Amino acid sequence: MLLIGDSSGREVVRYKMQEVLNELLGVEVNLRKNDRRIKMICNDIHKLYDEEARTSSVSDDELKEYAIKYFLTSEEAYPPWIAHTRYE
């Protein structure tokens, strides 16, 4: 079991996010550590500790919220050029 905290790096966040997405989507997802969405999630997590003085670990429910935000519903998940592409 890996916990996400103030000193967690991208590899731990990538691994946990991959687990969450596999569960949410029901398919095997392989993420890269340098994926911009992983970087953004790491930035958000570090802000929790740096700016909000958080002391507890990030929960699985919070990780699901990050997965939904950055991989399933935001413009980060679907860049603008995809939204305007039509397949006929």
PDB file of N, CA and C in Angstrom:
ATOM      1  N   MET A   1       0.847  -1.186   0.000  1.00  0.00           N
ATOM      2  CA  MET A   1       0.000   0.000   0.000  1.00  0.00           C
ATOM      3  C   MET A   1       0.884   1.239   0.000  1.00  0.00           C
ATOM      4  N   LEU A   2       0.640   2.111  -0.945  1.00  0.00           N
ATOM      5  CA  LEU A   2       1.373   3.375  -1.034  1.00  0.00           C
ATOM      6  C   LEU A   2       0.471   4.511  -0.582  1.00  0.00           C
ATOM      7  N   LEU A   3       1.028   5.395   0.232  1.00  0.00           N
ATOM      8  CA  LEU A   3       0.298   6.576   0.668  1.00  0.00           C
ATOM      9  C   LEU A   3       0.843   7.792  -0.054  1.00  0.00           C
ATOM     10  N   ILE A   4      -0.035   8.711  -0.360  1.00  0.00           N
ATOM     11  CA  ILE A   4       0.357   9.953  -1.003  1.00  0.00           C
ATOM     12  C   ILE A   4       0.436  11.027   0.081  1.00  0.00           C
ATOM     13  N   GLY A   5       1.594  11.685   0.140  1.00  0.00           N
ATOM     14  CA  GLY A   5       1.782  12.729   1.140  1.00  0.00           C
ATOM     15  C   GLY A   5       2.611  13.861   0.596  1.00  0.00           C
ATOM     16  N   ASP A   6       3.134  14.674   1.510  1.00  0.00           N
ATOM     17  CA  ASP A   6       3.854  15.882   1.107  1.00  0.00           C
ATOM     18  C   ASP A   6       5.160  15.615   0.377  1.00  0.00           C
ATOM     19  N   SER A   7       5.751  14.451   0.572  1.00  0.00           N
ATOM     20  CA  SER A   7       7.020  14.167  -0.104  1.00  0.00           C
ATOM     21  C   SER A   7       6.878  13.183  -1.261  1.00  0.00           C
ATOM     22  N   SER A   8       5.647  12.868  -1.636  1.00  0.00           N
ATOM     23  CA  SER A   8       5.425  11.918  -2.725  1.00  0.00           C
ATOM     24  C   SER A   8       5.868  12.519  -4.055  1.00  0.00           C
ATOM     25  N   GLY A   9       6.570  11.704  -4.812  1.00  0.00           N
ATOM     26  CA  GLY A   9       7.019  12.128  -6.131  1.00  0.00           C
ATOM     27  C   GLY A   9       6.069  11.680  -7.214  1.00  0.00           C
ATOM     28  N   ARG A  10       6.427  12.021  -8.436  1.00  0.00           N
ATOM     29  CA  ARG A  10       5.567  11.709  -9.577  1.00  0.00           C
ATOM     30  C   ARG A  10       5.355  10.217  -9.784  1.00  0.00           C
ATOM     31  N   GLU A  11       6.362   9.416  -9.510  1.00  0.00           N
ATOM     32  CA  GLU A  11       6.216   7.975  -9.744  1.00  0.00           C
ATOM     33  C   GLU A  11       5.145   7.373  -8.843  1.00  0.00           C
ATOM     34  N   VAL A  12       5.105   7.777  -7.593  1.00  0.00           N
ATOM     35  CA  VAL A  12       4.083   7.271  -6.671  1.00  0.00           C
ATOM     36  C   VAL A  12       2.701   7.762  -7.108  1.00  0.00           C
ATOM     37  N   VAL A  13       2.607   9.018  -7.471  1.00  0.00           N
ATOM     38  CA  VAL A  13       1.330   9.577  -7.922  1.00  0.00           C
ATOM     39  C   VAL A  13       0.897   8.887  -9.215  1.00  0.00           C
ATOM     40  N   ARG A  14       1.820   8.664 -10.138  1.00  0.00           N
ATOM     41  CA  ARG A  14       1.502   7.964 -11.386  1.00  0.00           C
ATOM     42  C   ARG A  14       0.941   6.571 -11.093  1.00  0.00           C
ATOM     43  N   TYR A  15       1.608   5.843 -10.219  1.00  0.00           N
ATOM     44  CA  TYR A  15       1.188   4.484  -9.885  1.00  0.00           C
ATOM     45  C   TYR A  15      -0.216   4.469  -9.275  1.00  0.00           C
ATOM     46  N   LYS A  16      -0.435   5.357  -8.307  1.00  0.00           N
ATOM     47  CA  LYS A  16      -1.741   5.410  -7.652  1.00  0.00           C
ATOM     48  C   LYS A  16      -2.833   5.867  -8.627  1.00  0.00           C
ATOM     49  N   MET A  17      -2.515   6.831  -9.473  1.00  0.00           N
ATOM     50  CA  MET A  17      -3.503   7.310 -10.437  1.00  0.00           C
ATOM     51  C   MET A  17      -3.840   6.212 -11.442  1.00  0.00           C
ATOM     52  N   GLN A  18      -2.863   5.443 -11.824  1.00  0.00           N
ATOM     53  CA  GLN A  18      -3.085   4.314 -12.718  1.00  0.00           C
ATOM     54  C   GLN A  18      -4.040   3.305 -12.071  1.00  0.00           C
ATOM     55  N   GLU A  19      -3.833   3.008 -10.792  1.00  0.00           N
ATOM     56  CA  GLU A  19      -4.729   2.099 -10.064  1.00  0.00           C
ATOM     57  C   GLU A  19      -6.161   2.624 -10.054  1.00  0.00           C
ATOM     58  N   VAL A  20      -6.300   3.916  -9.747  1.00  0.00           N
ATOM     59  CA  VAL A  20      -7.626   4.534  -9.668  1.00  0.00           C
ATOM     60  C   VAL A  20      -8.316   4.484 -11.028  1.00  0.00           C
ATOM     61  N   LEU A  21      -7.600   4.846 -12.087  1.00  0.00           N
ATOM     62  CA  LEU A  21      -8.194   4.831 -13.428  1.00  0.00           C
ATOM     63  C   LEU A  21      -8.545   3.416 -13.867  1.00  0.00           C
ATOM     64  N   ASN A  22      -7.717   2.432 -13.531  1.00  0.00           N
ATOM     65  CA  ASN A  22      -8.039   1.042 -13.862  1.00  0.00           C
ATOM     66  C   ASN A  22      -9.358   0.642 -13.217  1.00  0.00           C
ATOM     67  N   GLU A  23      -9.539   1.054 -11.963  1.00  0.00           N
ATOM     68  CA  GLU A  23     -10.770   0.735 -11.249  1.00  0.00           C
ATOM     69  C   GLU A  23     -11.967   1.490 -11.836  1.00  0.00           C
ATOM     70  N   LEU A  24     -11.809   2.771 -12.088  1.00  0.00           N
ATOM     71  CA  LEU A  24     -12.915   3.581 -12.614  1.00  0.00           C
ATOM     72  C   LEU A  24     -13.345   3.149 -14.013  1.00  0.00           C
ATOM     73  N   LEU A  25     -12.372   2.845 -14.864  1.00  0.00           N
ATOM     74  CA  LEU A  25     -12.668   2.558 -16.263  1.00  0.00           C
ATOM     75  C   LEU A  25     -12.859   1.077 -16.566  1.00  0.00           C
ATOM     76  N   GLY A  26     -12.353   0.227 -15.692  1.00  0.00           N
ATOM     77  CA  GLY A  26     -12.469  -1.208 -15.919  1.00  0.00           C
ATOM     78  C   GLY A  26     -11.570  -1.731 -17.024  1.00  0.00           C
ATOM     79  N   VAL A  27     -10.546  -0.969 -17.366  1.00  0.00           N
ATOM     80  CA  VAL A  27      -9.551  -1.383 -18.350  1.00  0.00           C
ATOM     81  C   VAL A  27      -8.169  -1.046 -17.816  1.00  0.00           C
ATOM     82  N   GLU A  28      -7.158  -1.701 -18.354  1.00  0.00           N
ATOM     83  CA  GLU A  28      -5.799  -1.431 -17.911  1.00  0.00           C
ATOM     84  C   GLU A  28      -5.291  -0.138 -18.550  1.00  0.00           C
ATOM     85  N   VAL A  29      -4.892   0.777 -17.693  1.00  0.00           N
ATOM     86  CA  VAL A  29      -4.370   2.073 -18.125  1.00  0.00           C
ATOM     87  C   VAL A  29      -2.892   2.123 -17.771  1.00  0.00           C
ATOM     88  N   ASN A  30      -2.078   2.564 -18.709  1.00  0.00           N
ATOM     89  CA  ASN A  30      -0.644   2.735 -18.460  1.00  0.00           C
ATOM     90  C   ASN A  30      -0.301   4.206 -18.644  1.00  0.00           C
ATOM     91  N   LEU A  31       0.122   4.820 -17.559  1.00  0.00           N
ATOM     92  CA  LEU A  31       0.480   6.236 -17.593  1.00  0.00           C
ATOM     93  C   LEU A  31       1.990   6.396 -17.540  1.00  0.00           C
ATOM     94  N   ARG A  32       2.455   7.501 -18.093  1.00  0.00           N
ATOM     95  CA  ARG A  32       3.876   7.841 -18.008  1.00  0.00           C
ATOM     96  C   ARG A  32       4.080   8.867 -16.906  1.00  0.00           C
ATOM     97  N   LYS A  33       5.222   8.780 -16.258  1.00  0.00           N
ATOM     98  CA  LYS A  33       5.527   9.688 -15.155  1.00  0.00           C
ATOM     99  C   LYS A  33       5.561  11.136 -15.616  1.00  0.00           C
ATOM    100  N   ASN A  34       5.921  11.372 -16.873  1.00  0.00           N
ATOM    101  CA  ASN A  34       6.027  12.746 -17.361  1.00  0.00           C
ATOM    102  C   ASN A  34       4.731  13.252 -18.008  1.00  0.00           C
ATOM    103  N   ASP A  35       3.641  12.519 -17.873  1.00  0.00           N
ATOM    104  CA  ASP A  35       2.335  12.969 -18.357  1.00  0.00           C
ATOM    105  C   ASP A  35       2.007  14.298 -17.675  1.00  0.00           C
ATOM    106  N   ARG A  36       1.602  15.290 -18.452  1.00  0.00           N
ATOM    107  CA  ARG A  36       1.352  16.625 -17.888  1.00  0.00           C
ATOM    108  C   ARG A  36       0.262  16.603 -16.824  1.00  0.00           C
ATOM    109  N   ARG A  37      -0.682  15.691 -16.931  1.00  0.00           N
ATOM    110  CA  ARG A  37      -1.751  15.603 -15.930  1.00  0.00           C
ATOM    111  C   ARG A  37      -1.214  15.093 -14.602  1.00  0.00           C
ATOM    112  N   ILE A  38      -0.232  14.193 -14.641  1.00  0.00           N
ATOM    113  CA  ILE A  38       0.407  13.722 -13.406  1.00  0.00           C
ATOM    114  C   ILE A  38       1.143  14.887 -12.749  1.00  0.00           C
ATOM    115  N   LYS A  39       1.828  15.686 -13.547  1.00  0.00           N
ATOM    116  CA  LYS A  39       2.512  16.874 -13.014  1.00  0.00           C
ATOM    117  C   LYS A  39       1.518  17.823 -12.357  1.00  0.00           C
ATOM    118  N   MET A  40       0.379  18.021 -12.985  1.00  0.00           N
ATOM    119  CA  MET A  40      -0.635  18.926 -12.442  1.00  0.00           C
ATOM    120  C   MET A  40      -1.204  18.387 -11.130  1.00  0.00           C
ATOM    121  N   ILE A  41      -1.437  17.094 -11.065  1.00  0.00           N
ATOM    122  CA  ILE A  41      -1.931  16.483  -9.830  1.00  0.00           C
ATOM    123  C   ILE A  41      -0.894  16.633  -8.726  1.00  0.00           C
ATOM    124  N   CYS A  42       0.372  16.395  -9.048  1.00  0.00           N
ATOM    125  CA  CYS A  42       1.441  16.565  -8.058  1.00  0.00           C
ATOM    126  C   CYS A  42       1.473  18.001  -7.545  1.00  0.00           C
ATOM    127  N   ASN A  43       1.338  18.952  -8.447  1.00  0.00           N
ATOM    128  CA  ASN A  43       1.310  20.362  -8.041  1.00  0.00           C
ATOM    129  C   ASN A  43       0.144  20.630  -7.091  1.00  0.00           C
ATOM    130  N   ASP A  44      -1.033  20.103  -7.414  1.00  0.00           N
ATOM    131  CA  ASP A  44      -2.206  20.291  -6.547  1.00  0.00           C
ATOM    132  C   ASP A  44      -1.967  19.667  -5.172  1.00  0.00           C
ATOM    133  N   ILE A  45      -1.398  18.479  -5.151  1.00  0.00           N
ATOM    134  CA  ILE A  45      -1.141  17.788  -3.888  1.00  0.00           C
ATOM    135  C   ILE A  45      -0.119  18.560  -3.059  1.00  0.00           C
ATOM    136  N   HIS A  46       0.938  19.024  -3.687  1.00  0.00           N
ATOM    137  CA  HIS A  46       1.954  19.776  -2.941  1.00  0.00           C
ATOM    138  C   HIS A  46       1.390  21.088  -2.403  1.00  0.00           C
ATOM    139  N   LYS A  47       0.443  21.698  -3.116  1.00  0.00           N
ATOM    140  CA  LYS A  47      -0.208  22.914  -2.616  1.00  0.00           C
ATOM    141  C   LYS A  47      -0.989  22.623  -1.337  1.00  0.00           C
ATOM    142  N   LEU A  48      -1.605  21.439  -1.269  1.00  0.00           N
ATOM    143  CA  LEU A  48      -2.338  21.072  -0.052  1.00  0.00           C
ATOM    144  C   LEU A  48      -1.434  21.155   1.172  1.00  0.00           C
ATOM    145  N   TYR A  49      -0.214  20.719   1.015  1.00  0.00           N
ATOM    146  CA  TYR A  49       0.725  20.678   2.136  1.00  0.00           C
ATOM    147  C   TYR A  49       1.443  22.010   2.330  1.00  0.00           C
ATOM    148  N   ASP A  50       1.837  22.649   1.247  1.00  0.00           N
ATOM    149  CA  ASP A  50       2.605  23.888   1.339  1.00  0.00           C
ATOM    150  C   ASP A  50       1.746  25.092   1.706  1.00  0.00           C
ATOM    151  N   GLU A  51       0.600  25.228   1.065  1.00  0.00           N
ATOM    152  CA  GLU A  51      -0.221  26.423   1.256  1.00  0.00           C
ATOM    153  C   GLU A  51      -1.336  26.239   2.277  1.00  0.00           C
ATOM    154  N   GLU A  52      -1.825  25.019   2.418  1.00  0.00           N
ATOM    155  CA  GLU A  52      -2.948  24.778   3.320  1.00  0.00           C
ATOM    156  C   GLU A  52      -2.528  24.062   4.597  1.00  0.00           C
ATOM    157  N   ALA A  53      -1.245  23.772   4.738  1.00  0.00           N
ATOM    158  CA  ALA A  53      -0.681  23.142   5.942  1.00  0.00           C
ATOM    159  C   ALA A  53      -1.352  21.812   6.293  1.00  0.00           C
ATOM    160  N   ARG A  54      -1.653  21.057   5.292  1.00  0.00           N
ATOM    161  CA  ARG A  54      -2.259  19.738   5.508  1.00  0.00           C
ATOM    162  C   ARG A  54      -1.256  18.814   6.179  1.00  0.00           C
ATOM    163  N   THR A  55      -1.739  17.896   7.018  1.00  0.00           N
ATOM    164  CA  THR A  55      -0.853  16.951   7.702  1.00  0.00           C
ATOM    165  C   THR A  55      -1.200  15.487   7.422  1.00  0.00           C
ATOM    166  N   SER A  56      -2.387  15.216   6.878  1.00  0.00           N
ATOM    167  CA  SER A  56      -2.786  13.836   6.618  1.00  0.00           C
ATOM    168  C   SER A  56      -2.492  13.437   5.176  1.00  0.00           C
ATOM    169  N   SER A  57      -2.519  12.134   4.924  1.00  0.00           N
ATOM    170  CA  SER A  57      -2.306  11.605   3.577  1.00  0.00           C
ATOM    171  C   SER A  57      -3.498  11.905   2.685  1.00  0.00           C
ATOM    172  N   VAL A  58      -3.283  11.874   1.393  1.00  0.00           N
ATOM    173  CA  VAL A  58      -4.358  12.050   0.416  1.00  0.00           C
ATOM    174  C   VAL A  58      -5.130  10.734   0.342  1.00  0.00           C
ATOM    175  N   SER A  59      -6.434  10.820   0.467  1.00  0.00           N
ATOM    176  CA  SER A  59      -7.265   9.615   0.496  1.00  0.00           C
ATOM    177  C   SER A  59      -7.518   9.064  -0.903  1.00  0.00           C
ATOM    178  N   ASP A  60      -7.977   7.831  -0.960  1.00  0.00           N
ATOM    179  CA  ASP A  60      -8.348   7.226  -2.243  1.00  0.00           C
ATOM    180  C   ASP A  60      -9.505   7.984  -2.894  1.00  0.00           C
ATOM    181  N   ASP A  61     -10.429   8.474  -2.080  1.00  0.00           N
ATOM    182  CA  ASP A  61     -11.546   9.252  -2.631  1.00  0.00           C
ATOM    183  C   ASP A  61     -11.048  10.548  -3.264  1.00  0.00           C
ATOM    184  N   GLU A  62     -10.064  11.190  -2.650  1.00  0.00           N
ATOM    185  CA  GLU A  62      -9.491  12.403  -3.234  1.00  0.00           C
ATOM    186  C   GLU A  62      -8.766  12.088  -4.531  1.00  0.00           C
ATOM    187  N   LEU A  63      -8.076  10.951  -4.575  1.00  0.00           N
ATOM    188  CA  LEU A  63      -7.404  10.555  -5.811  1.00  0.00           C
ATOM    189  C   LEU A  63      -8.409  10.311  -6.930  1.00  0.00           C
ATOM    190  N   LYS A  64      -9.559   9.736  -6.586  1.00  0.00           N
ATOM    191  CA  LYS A  64     -10.616   9.544  -7.591  1.00  0.00           C
ATOM    192  C   LYS A  64     -11.088  10.890  -8.125  1.00  0.00           C
ATOM    193  N   GLU A  65     -11.200  11.878  -7.235  1.00  0.00           N
ATOM    194  CA  GLU A  65     -11.604  13.212  -7.675  1.00  0.00           C
ATOM    195  C   GLU A  65     -10.575  13.810  -8.643  1.00  0.00           C
ATOM    196  N   TYR A  66      -9.282  13.609  -8.356  1.00  0.00           N
ATOM    197  CA  TYR A  66      -8.236  14.081  -9.268  1.00  0.00           C
ATOM    198  C   TYR A  66      -8.321  13.346 -10.606  1.00  0.00           C
ATOM    199  N   ALA A  67      -8.577  12.043 -10.568  1.00  0.00           N
ATOM    200  CA  ALA A  67      -8.686  11.255 -11.804  1.00  0.00           C
ATOM    201  C   ALA A  67      -9.831  11.774 -12.658  1.00  0.00           C
ATOM    202  N   ILE A  68     -10.953  12.022 -12.032  1.00  0.00           N
ATOM    203  CA  ILE A  68     -12.117  12.535 -12.766  1.00  0.00           C
ATOM    204  C   ILE A  68     -11.811  13.922 -13.315  1.00  0.00           C
ATOM    205  N   LYS A  69     -11.227  14.762 -12.482  1.00  0.00           N
ATOM    206  CA  LYS A  69     -10.937  16.137 -12.898  1.00  0.00           C
ATOM    207  C   LYS A  69      -9.947  16.193 -14.055  1.00  0.00           C
ATOM    208  N   TYR A  70      -8.834  15.487 -13.939  1.00  0.00           N
ATOM    209  CA  TYR A  70      -7.760  15.635 -14.925  1.00  0.00           C
ATOM    210  C   TYR A  70      -7.778  14.626 -16.075  1.00  0.00           C
ATOM    211  N   PHE A  71      -8.451  13.488 -15.882  1.00  0.00           N
ATOM    212  CA  PHE A  71      -8.430  12.467 -16.925  1.00  0.00           C
ATOM    213  C   PHE A  71      -9.779  12.227 -17.588  1.00  0.00           C
ATOM    214  N   LEU A  72     -10.861  12.608 -16.940  1.00  0.00           N
ATOM    215  CA  LEU A  72     -12.161  12.255 -17.494  1.00  0.00           C
ATOM    216  C   LEU A  72     -13.054  13.435 -17.862  1.00  0.00           C
ATOM    217  N   THR A  73     -12.908  14.585 -17.213  1.00  0.00           N
ATOM    218  CA  THR A  73     -13.877  15.654 -17.457  1.00  0.00           C
ATOM    219  C   THR A  73     -13.294  16.998 -17.857  1.00  0.00           C
ATOM    220  N   SER A  74     -12.041  17.230 -17.667  1.00  0.00           N
ATOM    221  CA  SER A  74     -11.504  18.567 -17.929  1.00  0.00           C
ATOM    222  C   SER A  74     -10.991  18.706 -19.354  1.00  0.00           C
ATOM    223  N   GLU A  75     -10.684  19.923 -19.721  1.00  0.00           N
ATOM    224  CA  GLU A  75     -10.074  20.176 -21.016  1.00  0.00           C
ATOM    225  C   GLU A  75      -8.695  19.527 -21.092  1.00  0.00           C
ATOM    226  N   GLU A  76      -8.085  19.283 -19.928  1.00  0.00           N
ATOM    227  CA  GLU A  76      -6.808  18.577 -19.902  1.00  0.00           C
ATOM    228  C   GLU A  76      -6.988  17.144 -20.397  1.00  0.00           C
ATOM    229  N   ALA A  77      -8.151  16.571 -20.117  1.00  0.00           N
ATOM    230  CA  ALA A  77      -8.423  15.208 -20.577  1.00  0.00           C
ATOM    231  C   ALA A  77      -8.692  15.185 -22.073  1.00  0.00           C
ATOM    232  N   TYR A  78      -9.378  16.201 -22.549  1.00  0.00           N
ATOM    233  CA  TYR A  78      -9.733  16.292 -23.956  1.00  0.00           C
ATOM    234  C   TYR A  78      -9.278  17.642 -24.487  1.00  0.00           C
ATOM    235  N   PRO A  79      -8.106  17.709 -25.060  1.00  0.00           N
ATOM    236  CA  PRO A  79      -7.625  18.983 -25.599  1.00  0.00           C
ATOM    237  C   PRO A  79      -8.615  19.559 -26.604  1.00  0.00           C
ATOM    238  N   PRO A  80      -8.605  20.869 -26.786  1.00  0.00           N
ATOM    239  CA  PRO A  80      -9.588  21.521 -27.665  1.00  0.00           C
ATOM    240  C   PRO A  80      -9.662  20.936 -29.065  1.00  0.00           C
ATOM    241  N   TRP A  81      -8.554  20.506 -29.618  1.00  0.00           N
ATOM    242  CA  TRP A  81      -8.590  19.978 -30.986  1.00  0.00           C
ATOM    243  C   TRP A  81      -9.390  18.695 -31.083  1.00  0.00           C
ATOM    244  N   ILE A  82      -9.505  17.924 -29.993  1.00  0.00           N
ATOM    245  CA  ILE A  82     -10.314  16.703 -30.021  1.00  0.00           C
ATOM    246  C   ILE A  82     -11.793  17.057 -30.018  1.00  0.00           C
ATOM    247  N   ALA A  83     -12.168  18.050 -29.224  1.00  0.00           N
ATOM    248  CA  ALA A  83     -13.568  18.446 -29.108  1.00  0.00           C
ATOM    249  C   ALA A  83     -14.125  18.924 -30.436  1.00  0.00           C
ATOM    250  N   HIS A  84     -13.286  19.435 -31.299  1.00  0.00           N
ATOM    251  CA  HIS A  84     -13.750  19.975 -32.571  1.00  0.00           C
ATOM    252  C   HIS A  84     -13.553  19.028 -33.743  1.00  0.00           C
ATOM    253  N   THR A  85     -13.095  17.833 -33.466  1.00  0.00           N
ATOM    254  CA  THR A  85     -12.871  16.854 -34.516  1.00  0.00           C
ATOM    255  C   THR A  85     -14.119  16.017 -34.698  1.00  0.00           C
ATOM    256  N   ARG A  86     -14.529  15.816 -35.933  1.00  0.00           N
ATOM    257  CA  ARG A  86     -15.690  14.983 -36.218  1.00  0.00           C
ATOM    258  C   ARG A  86     -15.263  13.816 -37.084  1.00  0.00           C
ATOM    259  N   TYR A  87     -15.819  12.685 -36.748  1.00  0.00           N
ATOM    260  CA  TYR A  87     -15.580  11.493 -37.559  1.00  0.00           C
ATOM    261  C   TYR A  87     -16.880  11.116 -38.226  1.00  0.00           C
ATOM    262  N   GLU A  88     -16.915  11.217 -39.520  1.00  0.00           N
ATOM    263  CA  GLU A  88     -18.152  10.913 -40.240  1.00  0.00           C
ATOM    264  C   GLU A  88     -17.943   9.766 -41.193  1.00  0.00           C
TER     265      GLU A  88
END
